[in-house]
Amino acid sequence: MINVRVEDVNFDQGTQMGVVLLTDLEGKRILPIWVGLFEAQAILFKLKQMHFPRPLTYDLMKNLVEQLKGKVDFVLISNVTENTFYAEIHLHCDGEEVVLDSRPSDAVALALRVNAGIYVSEEVFSEHSWVKEKFVEYQKSEFYRRVIEKSTDEDIGKA
């Protein structure tokens, strides 16, 4: 298992989705995971330490686990099938280890709230992560490609 942290959350204009950027602890490789906008927003709220008067969904999940005397040990991005990422929430409740199937966005949002470790299986990380600089370069080229595709012949050459 590769220990990762949430480096950032961005919004992909092309897909109208959020992108959670996970990096290894050395900051050399990055694993982008596309998630729904609400899930991305919930992760971003926690990263920015934003607080709300009433519990949001992931705060409720945290409260449920704690009230039931459970503890989230860690979350694991465990698999990718047909471009869909899968995750597991590993927790203890009443002395028993429990593993829950989860979407990665839900697992990450909960892990951030309970200060649990976030891990990626070695297979998923090796197959789907990028060298950080290559990912940034690719994202820039995709951005410019989209701009050019949306431009008309009259737009080209105007400054």
Protein backbone atom coordinates (compact mmCIF):
# COMPACT_ATOMS: atom_id res chain seq x y z
CA MET A 1 0.00 0.00 0.00
CA ILE A 2 1.18 3.49 -0.89
CA ASN A 3 0.51 6.18 1.71
CA VAL A 4 -0.90 9.28 0.00
CA ARG A 5 -2.25 12.68 0.92
CA VAL A 6 -4.74 14.99 -0.74
CA GLU A 7 -2.67 17.60 -2.51
CA ASP A 8 -5.51 19.55 -4.05
CA VAL A 9 -9.01 19.48 -5.44
CA ASN A 10 -9.66 21.01 -8.85
CA PHE A 11 -12.60 21.29 -11.18
CA ASP A 12 -12.35 19.91 -14.71
CA GLN A 13 -14.24 22.24 -17.03
CA GLY A 14 -14.23 19.65 -19.78
CA THR A 15 -16.04 16.97 -17.78
CA GLN A 16 -17.80 19.28 -15.28
CA MET A 17 -16.44 17.09 -12.48
CA GLY A 18 -14.14 17.50 -9.53
CA VAL A 19 -10.64 16.06 -9.57
CA VAL A 20 -9.05 14.95 -6.31
CA LEU A 21 -5.27 14.94 -6.63
CA LEU A 22 -3.56 12.40 -4.38
CA THR A 23 0.23 12.42 -4.09
CA ASP A 24 2.66 10.03 -2.52
CA LEU A 25 4.31 11.41 0.61
CA GLU A 26 7.46 12.27 -1.35
CA GLY A 27 5.39 14.40 -3.73
CA LYS A 28 6.84 12.73 -6.82
CA ARG A 29 3.77 11.02 -8.26
CA ILE A 30 0.18 12.15 -8.51
CA LEU A 31 -3.01 10.14 -8.81
CA PRO A 32 -5.98 12.09 -10.19
CA ILE A 33 -9.44 10.74 -9.40
CA TRP A 34 -12.47 12.32 -11.04
CA VAL A 35 -15.37 12.68 -8.58
CA GLY A 36 -18.75 14.37 -8.42
CA LEU A 37 -18.93 18.10 -7.75
CA PHE A 38 -20.60 17.74 -4.34
CA GLU A 39 -18.02 15.20 -3.19
CA ALA A 40 -15.17 17.40 -4.41
CA GLN A 41 -16.71 20.33 -2.59
CA ALA A 42 -16.97 18.34 0.66
CA ILE A 43 -13.28 17.39 0.44
CA LEU A 44 -12.33 20.98 -0.35
CA PHE A 45 -14.38 22.29 2.60
CA LYS A 46 -12.35 20.10 4.95
CA LEU A 47 -9.02 21.04 3.36
CA LYS A 48 -9.92 24.72 3.81
CA GLN A 49 -11.05 24.04 7.41
CA MET A 50 -14.51 25.43 6.71
CA HIS A 51 -17.09 24.79 9.42
CA PHE A 52 -20.85 24.82 9.20
CA PRO A 53 -23.50 25.19 11.92
CA ARG A 54 -25.09 21.83 11.04
CA PRO A 55 -23.25 18.60 10.17
CA LEU A 56 -22.72 17.88 6.51
CA THR A 57 -22.99 14.29 5.23
CA TYR A 58 -19.37 13.35 5.96
CA ASP A 59 -19.49 15.03 9.36
CA LEU A 60 -22.56 12.91 10.07
CA MET A 61 -20.65 9.78 9.00
CA LYS A 62 -17.84 10.74 11.38
CA ASN A 63 -20.33 11.31 14.21
CA LEU A 64 -22.02 7.95 13.54
CA VAL A 65 -18.74 6.06 13.71
CA GLU A 66 -17.72 7.84 16.91
CA GLN A 67 -21.12 7.45 18.60
CA LEU A 68 -21.04 3.73 17.85
CA LYS A 69 -17.60 3.59 19.49
CA GLY A 70 -15.97 2.77 16.18
CA LYS A 71 -12.69 3.99 14.74
CA VAL A 72 -11.71 4.40 11.11
CA ASP A 73 -8.23 2.89 10.81
CA PHE A 74 -7.55 3.83 7.19
CA VAL A 75 -9.07 4.01 3.74
CA LEU A 76 -7.73 2.24 0.68
CA ILE A 77 -8.20 3.03 -2.99
CA SER A 78 -8.14 -0.64 -3.85
CA ASN A 79 -9.06 -1.25 -7.47
CA VAL A 80 -9.95 0.23 -10.85
CA THR A 81 -12.41 -1.52 -13.14
CA GLU A 82 -13.50 0.00 -16.46
CA ASN A 83 -12.12 3.42 -15.40
CA THR A 84 -14.07 3.32 -12.13
CA PHE A 85 -12.06 3.57 -8.92
CA TYR A 86 -13.09 1.48 -5.90
CA ALA A 87 -12.22 2.08 -2.27
CA GLU A 88 -12.56 0.44 1.11
CA ILE A 89 -13.05 1.96 4.54
CA HIS A 90 -11.26 -0.12 7.18
CA LEU A 91 -12.60 0.40 10.69
CA HIS A 92 -12.98 -1.25 14.06
CA CYS A 93 -16.33 -1.49 15.81
CA ASP A 94 -16.99 -3.51 18.96
CA GLY A 95 -13.55 -5.06 18.67
CA GLU A 96 -14.20 -6.36 15.16
CA GLU A 97 -12.50 -5.26 11.99
CA VAL A 98 -15.03 -4.12 9.41
CA VAL A 99 -14.29 -3.33 5.76
CA LEU A 100 -16.86 -1.27 3.88
CA ASP A 101 -17.05 -0.87 0.11
CA SER A 102 -16.95 2.81 -0.79
CA ARG A 103 -16.51 5.32 -3.54
CA PRO A 104 -13.04 6.88 -3.25
CA SER A 105 -14.49 10.36 -2.80
CA ASP A 106 -16.58 9.24 0.19
CA ALA A 107 -13.67 7.34 1.72
CA VAL A 108 -11.30 10.31 1.34
CA ALA A 109 -13.85 12.82 2.69
CA LEU A 110 -14.38 10.64 5.77
CA ALA A 111 -10.66 9.95 6.26
CA LEU A 112 -9.92 13.67 6.30
CA ARG A 113 -12.53 14.22 9.01
CA VAL A 114 -11.29 11.44 11.29
CA ASN A 115 -7.56 11.89 10.57
CA ALA A 116 -7.25 8.38 9.15
CA GLY A 117 -4.57 7.32 6.70
CA ILE A 118 -5.30 7.32 2.99
CA TYR A 119 -3.66 4.55 0.96
CA VAL A 120 -3.65 3.35 -2.63
CA SER A 121 -2.90 -0.23 -3.62
CA GLU A 122 0.48 -0.60 -5.27
CA GLU A 123 -1.13 -1.95 -8.44
CA VAL A 124 -3.55 0.99 -8.77
CA PHE A 125 -0.82 3.51 -8.01
CA SER A 126 1.67 2.05 -10.48
CA GLU A 127 -0.92 1.80 -13.28
CA HIS A 128 -2.81 5.08 -12.81
CA SER A 129 -0.48 7.63 -11.21
CA TRP A 130 1.62 10.13 -13.11
CA VAL A 131 5.00 11.68 -12.55
CA LYS A 132 3.89 15.04 -11.17
CA GLU A 133 5.62 17.18 -13.80
CA LYS A 134 4.21 15.06 -16.65
CA PHE A 135 0.69 15.41 -15.25
CA VAL A 136 1.01 19.22 -15.05
CA GLU A 137 2.39 19.31 -18.60
CA TYR A 138 -0.47 17.13 -19.86
CA GLN A 139 -3.10 19.26 -18.14
CA LYS A 140 -1.70 22.43 -19.71
CA SER A 141 -1.68 20.87 -23.18
CA GLU A 142 -5.29 19.66 -22.73
CA PHE A 143 -6.37 23.13 -21.61
CA TYR A 144 -4.82 24.76 -24.68
CA ARG A 145 -6.22 22.06 -26.97
CA ARG A 146 -9.75 22.80 -25.68
CA VAL A 147 -9.24 26.54 -26.15
CA ILE A 148 -8.11 26.02 -29.73
CA GLU A 149 -10.98 23.64 -30.52
CA LYS A 150 -13.49 26.24 -29.28
CA SER A 151 -11.87 29.05 -31.26
CA THR A 152 -13.15 30.08 -34.64
CA ASP A 153 -10.96 30.98 -37.60
CA GLU A 154 -11.61 34.65 -36.85
CA ASP A 155 -10.40 34.22 -33.25
CA ILE A 156 -7.06 32.74 -34.27
CA GLY A 157 -4.36 35.36 -34.45
CA LYS A 158 -6.23 37.95 -32.38
CA ALA A 159 -4.51 39.19 -29.28
